[in-house]
C-alpha atoms as a PDB file:
ATOM      1  CA  MET A   1      59.224  31.163 -12.018  1.00  0.00           C
ATOM      2  CA  THR A   2      55.980  29.652 -13.621  1.00  0.00           C
ATOM      3  CA  ASN A   3      53.159  31.790 -14.872  1.00  0.00           C
ATOM      4  CA  ASN A   4      50.529  29.854 -12.017  1.00  0.00           C
ATOM      5  CA  LYS A   5      49.162  30.678  -9.531  1.00  0.00           C
ATOM      6  CA  ILE A   6      49.832  28.652  -6.878  1.00  0.00           C
ATOM      7  CA  ALA A   7      53.879  29.550  -7.591  1.00  0.00           C
ATOM      8  CA  THR A   8      55.745  31.056  -5.035  1.00  0.00           C
ATOM      9  CA  LEU A   9      59.084  32.918  -4.365  1.00  0.00           C
ATOM     10  CA  HIS A  10      59.553  30.442  -2.081  1.00  0.00           C
ATOM     11  CA  GLU A  11      58.785  26.992  -4.228  1.00  0.00           C
ATOM     12  CA  PRO A  12      61.173  25.453  -6.054  1.00  0.00           C
ATOM     13  CA  PRO A  13      61.437  25.501 -10.642  1.00  0.00           C
ATOM     14  CA  ILE A  14      58.979  23.355 -11.203  1.00  0.00           C
ATOM     15  CA  PRO A  15      60.360  20.794 -13.717  1.00  0.00           C
ATOM     16  CA  GLU A  16      58.467  21.397 -17.342  1.00  0.00           C
ATOM     17  CA  SER A  17      57.784  17.204 -17.877  1.00  0.00           C
ATOM     18  CA  VAL A  18      55.714  18.328 -14.394  1.00  0.00           C
ATOM     19  CA  GLN A  19      54.322  21.007 -15.343  1.00  0.00           C
ATOM     20  CA  SER A  20      53.292  20.151 -18.982  1.00  0.00           C
ATOM     21  CA  HIS A  21      51.495  17.222 -17.028  1.00  0.00           C
ATOM     22  CA  PRO A  22      47.608  16.738 -16.853  1.00  0.00           C
ATOM     23  CA  ALA A  23      47.762  15.991 -13.310  1.00  0.00           C
ATOM     24  CA  TRP A  24      49.601  19.363 -12.779  1.00  0.00           C
ATOM     25  CA  PHE A  25      46.936  21.290 -14.387  1.00  0.00           C
ATOM     26  CA  ARG A  26      44.523  19.750 -12.224  1.00  0.00           C
ATOM     27  CA  LEU A  27      46.538  19.984  -9.313  1.00  0.00           C
ATOM     28  CA  SER A  28      46.796  23.309 -10.102  1.00  0.00           C
ATOM     29  CA  ASP A  29      43.705  24.119 -11.336  1.00  0.00           C
ATOM     30  CA  GLN A  30      41.830  22.669  -8.159  1.00  0.00           C
ATOM     31  CA  LEU A  31      44.260  24.449  -5.944  1.00  0.00           C
ATOM     32  CA  ASN A  32      43.161  27.758  -7.257  1.00  0.00           C
ATOM     33  CA  TRP A  33      39.551  26.911  -7.430  1.00  0.00           C
ATOM     34  CA  TYR A  34      39.747  26.173  -3.612  1.00  0.00           C
ATOM     35  CA  ASP A  35      42.322  29.154  -2.350  1.00  0.00           C
ATOM     36  CA  GLY A  36      40.024  31.137  -4.187  1.00  0.00           C
ATOM     37  CA  LYS A  37      36.275  29.442  -2.846  1.00  0.00           C
ATOM     38  CA  SER A  38      37.826  30.112   0.565  1.00  0.00           C
ATOM     39  CA  GLY A  39      38.306  33.330   0.346  1.00  0.00           C
ATOM     40  CA  TYR A  40      34.930  34.353  -1.040  1.00  0.00           C
ATOM     41  CA  CYS A  41      33.361  32.464   1.580  1.00  0.00           C
ATOM     42  CA  GLN A  42      35.813  34.587   4.375  1.00  0.00           C
ATOM     43  CA  HIS A  43      34.884  37.843   2.737  1.00  0.00           C
ATOM     44  CA  TRP A  44      31.304  37.247   2.502  1.00  0.00           C
ATOM     45  CA  PHE A  45      31.375  35.446   5.880  1.00  0.00           C
ATOM     46  CA  LYS A  46      32.997  38.635   7.607  1.00  0.00           C
ATOM     47  CA  SER A  47      31.782  41.383   6.111  1.00  0.00           C
ATOM     48  CA  LEU A  48      28.065  39.454   7.166  1.00  0.00           C
ATOM     49  CA  LYS A  49      28.993  39.433  11.051  1.00  0.00           C
ATOM     50  CA  PHE A  50      30.889  42.960  10.601  1.00  0.00           C
ATOM     51  CA  THR A  51      27.492  44.209   9.766  1.00  0.00           C
ATOM     52  CA  GLN A  52      25.638  42.112  12.165  1.00  0.00           C
ATOM     53  CA  ILE A  53      27.485  43.602  14.958  1.00  0.00           C
ATOM     54  CA  ALA A  54      27.070  47.264  13.755  1.00  0.00           C
ATOM     55  CA  LEU A  55      23.784  46.385  13.780  1.00  0.00           C
ATOM     56  CA  ALA A  56      23.652  45.522  17.005  1.00  0.00           C
ATOM     57  CA  VAL A  57      25.936  48.484  18.311  1.00  0.00           C
ATOM     58  CA  LEU A  58      23.436  50.718  17.254  1.00  0.00           C
ATOM     59  CA  ILE A  59      20.356  49.254  18.225  1.00  0.00           C
ATOM     60  CA  PRO A  60      20.951  50.432  22.502  1.00  0.00           C
ATOM     61  CA  ALA A  61      21.946  53.738  20.462  1.00  0.00           C
ATOM     62  CA  THR A  62      18.546  54.058  19.615  1.00  0.00           C
ATOM     63  CA  SER A  63      17.486  55.305  22.733  1.00  0.00           C
ATOM     64  CA  LEU A  64      19.298  58.428  22.286  1.00  0.00           C
ATOM     65  CA  LEU A  65      16.552  59.120  19.355  1.00  0.00           C
ATOM     66  CA  PRO A  66      12.858  60.532  19.540  1.00  0.00           C
ATOM     67  CA  GLU A  67      10.669  57.171  20.700  1.00  0.00           C
ATOM     68  CA  GLU A  68       8.512  57.243  17.369  1.00  0.00           C
ATOM     69  CA  CYS A  69      12.371  57.139  15.077  1.00  0.00           C
ATOM     70  CA  ALA A  70      13.707  54.848  18.057  1.00  0.00           C
ATOM     71  CA  LYS A  71      11.511  52.207  17.816  1.00  0.00           C
ATOM     72  CA  TRP A  72      10.806  51.777  14.145  1.00  0.00           C
ATOM     73  CA  THR A  73      15.201  51.450  13.973  1.00  0.00           C
ATOM     74  CA  ALA A  74      15.750  49.613  16.645  1.00  0.00           C
ATOM     75  CA  SER A  75      12.688  46.901  14.898  1.00  0.00           C
ATOM     76  CA  ILE A  76      14.678  47.711  11.917  1.00  0.00           C
ATOM     77  CA  ALA A  77      17.874  47.181  13.472  1.00  0.00           C
ATOM     78  CA  GLY A  78      16.753  44.028  14.397  1.00  0.00           C
ATOM     79  CA  ALA A  79      15.357  42.349  11.435  1.00  0.00           C
ATOM     80  CA  LEU A  80      18.158  42.875   9.519  1.00  0.00           C
ATOM     81  CA  ILE A  81      20.265  41.102  11.570  1.00  0.00           C
ATOM     82  CA  ALA A  82      17.470  38.381  11.781  1.00  0.00           C
ATOM     83  CA  VAL A  83      18.167  38.040   8.107  1.00  0.00           C
ATOM     84  CA  LEU A  84      21.955  38.556   8.170  1.00  0.00           C
ATOM     85  CA  GLU A  85      21.899  35.267   9.938  1.00  0.00           C
ATOM     86  CA  ALA A  86      19.785  33.792   8.039  1.00  0.00           C
ATOM     87  CA  VAL A  87      21.383  34.464   5.130  1.00  0.00           C
ATOM     88  CA  GLN A  88      25.047  33.483   6.407  1.00  0.00           C
ATOM     89  CA  GLN A  89      23.037  29.819   7.540  1.00  0.00           C
ATOM     90  CA  MET A  90      21.945  29.151   4.691  1.00  0.00           C
ATOM     91  CA  ASN A  91      25.094  29.481   2.391  1.00  0.00           C
ATOM     92  CA  GLN A  92      27.642  28.210   5.175  1.00  0.00           C
ATOM     93  CA  TYR A  93      30.156  30.496   4.803  1.00  0.00           C
ATOM     94  CA  SER A  94      31.998  29.792   7.807  1.00  0.00           C
ATOM     95  CA  THR A  95      32.142  26.391   7.527  1.00  0.00           C
ATOM     96  CA  LEU A  96      32.855  26.703   3.773  1.00  0.00           C
ATOM     97  CA  TRP A  97      35.462  29.067   4.228  1.00  0.00           C
ATOM     98  CA  VAL A  98      37.285  26.272   7.091  1.00  0.00           C
ATOM     99  CA  MET A  99      36.320  23.791   4.518  1.00  0.00           C
ATOM    100  CA  TYR A 100      37.464  24.884   1.619  1.00  0.00           C
ATOM    101  CA  ARG A 101      41.173  26.686   2.806  1.00  0.00           C
ATOM    102  CA  ALA A 102      41.858  23.149   4.610  1.00  0.00           C
ATOM    103  CA  THR A 103      41.347  21.341   1.274  1.00  0.00           C
ATOM    104  CA  ALA A 104      43.558  24.434   0.013  1.00  0.00           C
ATOM    105  CA  GLU A 105      46.700  23.629   2.785  1.00  0.00           C
ATOM    106  CA  ARG A 106      45.941  19.913   2.095  1.00  0.00           C
ATOM    107  CA  LEU A 107      47.169  20.290  -1.690  1.00  0.00           C
ATOM    108  CA  LYS A 108      49.408  22.345  -1.188  1.00  0.00           C
ATOM    109  CA  HIS A 109      51.156  19.534   1.017  1.00  0.00           C
ATOM    110  CA  GLU A 110      50.418  16.654  -1.279  1.00  0.00           C
ATOM    111  CA  LYS A 111      52.650  18.945  -4.117  1.00  0.00           C
ATOM    112  CA  ASP A 112      55.043  19.334  -2.088  1.00  0.00           C
ATOM    113  CA  LEU A 113      55.683  15.645  -1.467  1.00  0.00           C
ATOM    114  CA  PHE A 114      55.134  15.252  -4.504  1.00  0.00           C
ATOM    115  CA  LEU A 115      57.467  17.736  -6.084  1.00  0.00           C
ATOM    116  CA  SER A 116      60.400  16.830  -3.463  1.00  0.00           C
ATOM    117  CA  GLY A 117      59.753  12.216  -3.872  1.00  0.00           C
ATOM    118  CA  ALA A 118      58.296  11.979  -0.953  1.00  0.00           C
ATOM    119  CA  GLY A 119      55.735  10.377   1.391  1.00  0.00           C
ATOM    120  CA  PRO A 120      54.080   8.304  -1.101  1.00  0.00           C
ATOM    121  CA  TYR A 121      55.865   9.211  -3.920  1.00  0.00           C
ATOM    122  CA  LYS A 122      59.122   8.619  -1.883  1.00  0.00           C
ATOM    123  CA  GLY A 123      61.126   5.976  -4.897  1.00  0.00           C
ATOM    124  CA  MET A 124      58.970   7.176  -7.697  1.00  0.00           C
ATOM    125  CA  GLY A 125      61.343   8.584 -10.132  1.00  0.00           C
ATOM    126  CA  GLY A 126      59.478  11.241 -12.951  1.00  0.00           C
ATOM    127  CA  PRO A 127      57.563   8.985 -15.276  1.00  0.00           C
ATOM    128  CA  VAL A 128      56.352   7.025 -12.974  1.00  0.00           C
ATOM    129  CA  ARG A 129      54.750   9.678 -10.834  1.00  0.00           C
ATOM    130  CA  LEU A 130      53.204  11.609 -13.532  1.00  0.00           C
END
């Protein structure tokens, strides 16, 4: 197994000629970048949404507090929900998460086609593919 992040336990061994080729380094770099960014955006999207839900649940619960405290707590929670939604809309974590994940999966598919000599790489010898 290689030291590349994209290598998995279920992946066949990668020939040395492929591992040392600049195109392989580029593929590995891009796959790792998209995979990492997808996880980053997923984390932020879910964190923001969870916080919004928690704050939304807090609003009706404030009715049990004294009137003045309930008014301030509900107002602050509502304002925070709006700010968190604005951050999510500005940064588009949900959209980017899906786009980055889809790109990473397409790169994995292309890598598998290349390594197996299938699809557009069918019939090409090692040096031609590189």
